[in-house]
N, C-alpha and C. Protein backbone atom coordinates (compact mmCIF):
# COMPACT_ATOMS: atom_id res chain seq x y z
N MET A 1 0.87 -1.31 -0.05
CA MET A 1 0.01 0.05 0.08
C MET A 1 0.90 1.09 -0.08
N ALA A 2 0.28 2.33 -0.64
CA ALA A 2 1.32 3.52 -0.89
C ALA A 2 0.96 4.45 0.35
N ASP A 3 2.01 5.14 0.65
CA ASP A 3 1.94 6.06 1.78
C ASP A 3 1.53 7.53 1.14
N ILE A 4 0.73 8.25 1.64
CA ILE A 4 0.24 9.53 1.33
C ILE A 4 0.62 10.50 2.26
N GLU A 5 1.18 11.37 2.06
CA GLU A 5 1.56 12.57 3.02
C GLU A 5 0.56 13.58 3.21
N VAL A 6 0.02 14.01 3.92
CA VAL A 6 -0.90 15.05 4.18
C VAL A 6 -0.52 16.21 5.10
N SER A 7 -0.84 17.32 4.89
CA SER A 7 -0.45 18.56 5.67
C SER A 7 -1.50 19.68 5.52
N LEU A 8 -1.54 20.42 6.39
CA LEU A 8 -2.54 21.62 6.38
C LEU A 8 -1.83 22.61 5.10
N SER A 9 -2.64 23.40 4.49
CA SER A 9 -1.95 24.43 3.69
C SER A 9 -1.41 25.42 4.44
N ALA A 10 -0.18 26.14 3.72
CA ALA A 10 0.57 27.06 4.58
C ALA A 10 -0.20 28.24 4.95
N THR A 11 -1.25 28.72 4.33
CA THR A 11 -2.16 29.65 4.85
C THR A 11 -3.08 29.23 5.97
N THR A 12 -3.29 28.10 5.89
CA THR A 12 -4.29 27.73 7.10
C THR A 12 -3.41 27.52 8.40
N ARG A 13 -2.11 27.04 8.11
CA ARG A 13 -1.30 26.74 9.26
C ARG A 13 -0.84 28.23 9.86
N THR A 14 -0.37 29.14 9.24
CA THR A 14 -0.27 30.39 9.37
C THR A 14 -1.27 30.97 10.20
N ASN A 15 -2.43 30.97 9.76
CA ASN A 15 -3.65 31.60 10.33
C ASN A 15 -4.13 31.00 11.75
N ILE A 16 -3.83 29.60 11.80
CA ILE A 16 -4.10 28.96 13.05
C ILE A 16 -2.87 29.44 13.97
N ASP A 17 -1.68 29.58 13.61
CA ASP A 17 -0.34 29.83 14.37
C ASP A 17 -0.68 31.30 15.02
N ALA A 18 -1.09 32.28 14.13
CA ALA A 18 -1.40 33.70 14.42
C ALA A 18 -2.66 33.70 15.39
N GLY A 19 -3.42 32.87 15.53
CA GLY A 19 -4.80 32.84 16.37
C GLY A 19 -5.64 33.68 15.48
N GLU A 20 -5.54 33.65 14.19
CA GLU A 20 -6.61 34.32 13.41
C GLU A 20 -7.84 33.44 13.00
N MET A 21 -7.54 32.05 13.12
CA MET A 21 -8.56 30.95 13.17
C MET A 21 -8.86 30.29 14.13
N THR A 22 -10.01 29.92 14.32
CA THR A 22 -10.33 29.15 15.69
C THR A 22 -11.01 28.03 15.20
N LEU A 23 -11.29 27.18 16.38
CA LEU A 23 -12.01 25.79 16.16
C LEU A 23 -13.38 26.19 15.55
N LYS A 24 -13.90 27.17 16.13
CA LYS A 24 -15.43 27.63 15.36
C LYS A 24 -15.27 27.87 14.13
N ASP A 25 -14.27 28.67 13.53
CA ASP A 25 -14.10 28.69 12.02
C ASP A 25 -13.73 27.66 11.45
N ILE A 26 -12.91 26.65 11.70
CA ILE A 26 -12.77 25.32 11.18
C ILE A 26 -14.23 24.81 10.95
N LYS A 27 -15.02 24.33 12.07
CA LYS A 27 -16.27 23.69 12.14
C LYS A 27 -17.23 24.51 11.05
N LYS A 28 -17.03 26.10 10.93
CA LYS A 28 -18.03 26.57 10.04
C LYS A 28 -17.55 26.33 8.52
N TYR A 29 -16.17 26.77 8.07
CA TYR A 29 -15.74 26.89 7.04
C TYR A 29 -14.74 25.83 6.36
N GLY A 30 -14.23 24.70 7.30
CA GLY A 30 -13.41 23.42 6.67
C GLY A 30 -12.17 23.94 6.72
N LEU A 31 -11.46 23.21 6.07
CA LEU A 31 -9.94 23.21 5.85
C LEU A 31 -9.56 22.90 4.58
N ILE A 32 -8.29 23.37 4.28
CA ILE A 32 -7.68 22.77 2.91
C ILE A 32 -6.43 22.22 3.16
N TYR A 33 -6.40 20.96 2.94
CA TYR A 33 -4.98 20.30 3.12
C TYR A 33 -4.28 20.12 1.60
N ASN A 34 -2.91 19.92 1.89
CA ASN A 34 -2.01 19.34 0.61
C ASN A 34 -1.87 17.97 0.70
N TRP A 35 -1.92 17.30 -0.46
CA TRP A 35 -1.56 15.76 -0.21
C TRP A 35 -0.36 15.49 -1.19
N GLN A 36 0.37 14.62 -0.99
CA GLN A 36 1.57 14.03 -1.80
C GLN A 36 1.50 12.65 -1.66
N ARG A 37 2.00 11.93 -2.92
CA ARG A 37 2.34 10.50 -3.10
C ARG A 37 3.37 10.54 -3.62
N PRO A 38 4.53 10.21 -2.72
CA PRO A 38 5.86 10.37 -3.36
C PRO A 38 5.95 8.78 -3.70
N PHE A 39 7.17 8.88 -5.08
CA PHE A 39 7.53 7.74 -5.67
C PHE A 39 9.08 7.45 -5.36
N SER A 40 9.44 6.29 -5.41
CA SER A 40 10.91 5.86 -5.13
C SER A 40 11.70 6.59 -6.24
N ASP A 41 11.33 6.68 -7.30
CA ASP A 41 12.24 7.54 -8.29
C ASP A 41 12.28 9.29 -7.98
N GLY A 42 11.77 9.74 -7.03
CA GLY A 42 11.74 11.12 -6.51
C GLY A 42 10.79 11.79 -7.17
N SER A 43 9.83 11.16 -8.03
CA SER A 43 8.74 12.17 -8.77
C SER A 43 7.54 11.87 -7.61
N ALA A 44 6.52 12.43 -7.60
CA ALA A 44 5.42 12.43 -6.66
C ALA A 44 4.17 13.25 -7.28
N LEU A 45 2.92 12.77 -7.10
CA LEU A 45 1.84 13.16 -7.45
C LEU A 45 1.42 13.97 -6.17
N ARG A 46 0.81 15.34 -6.48
CA ARG A 46 0.68 16.44 -5.54
C ARG A 46 -0.86 17.04 -5.77
N GLY A 47 -1.33 17.41 -4.66
CA GLY A 47 -2.86 18.19 -5.04
C GLY A 47 -3.13 18.58 -3.63
N THR A 48 -4.70 19.28 -3.72
CA THR A 48 -5.19 19.73 -2.41
C THR A 48 -6.39 19.09 -2.26
N CYS A 49 -6.76 19.31 -1.16
CA CYS A 49 -8.29 18.58 -0.84
C CYS A 49 -8.98 19.52 0.34
N GLU A 50 -10.15 19.86 -0.15
CA GLU A 50 -10.97 20.77 0.85
C GLU A 50 -12.03 19.95 1.46
N VAL A 51 -11.99 20.16 2.70
CA VAL A 51 -13.04 19.63 3.63
C VAL A 51 -13.82 20.52 4.25
N ASP A 52 -15.15 20.22 4.21
CA ASP A 52 -16.22 21.12 5.04
C ASP A 52 -16.17 20.99 6.46
N GLY A 53 -16.66 21.92 7.29
CA GLY A 53 -16.69 21.59 8.55
C GLY A 53 -16.98 20.31 9.28
N LYS A 54 -17.73 19.47 8.56
CA LYS A 54 -18.00 18.34 9.09
C LYS A 54 -17.21 17.33 8.80
N GLY A 55 -16.11 17.61 8.07
CA GLY A 55 -15.25 16.70 7.63
C GLY A 55 -15.40 15.76 6.48
N ASN A 56 -16.38 16.40 5.73
CA ASN A 56 -16.45 15.93 4.26
C ASN A 56 -15.67 16.39 3.33
N VAL A 57 -15.24 15.42 2.57
CA VAL A 57 -14.38 16.05 1.31
C VAL A 57 -15.34 16.81 0.19
N VAL A 58 -15.01 17.98 -0.07
CA VAL A 58 -15.81 18.57 -1.19
C VAL A 58 -14.98 18.83 -2.33
N LYS A 59 -13.97 18.91 -2.23
CA LYS A 59 -13.08 19.16 -3.57
C LYS A 59 -11.59 18.38 -3.48
N VAL A 60 -11.26 17.96 -4.50
CA VAL A 60 -9.97 17.17 -4.58
C VAL A 60 -9.21 17.59 -5.88
N ASP A 61 -8.06 18.31 -5.81
CA ASP A 61 -7.40 18.60 -7.01
C ASP A 61 -6.15 17.90 -6.91
């Protein structure tokens, strides 16, 4: 099975760290994640995933 790396988008992480985004905001607006599937040859598939405030995936690029 392939490993997929998932992280918060840089903007989201910055907003949370700065106290500009709260749990209430996350529950209302959701989050955007970056995902990556690296391969042994150094290449990778990359994209973003938008999740609504209930944890449902609403968009994957």
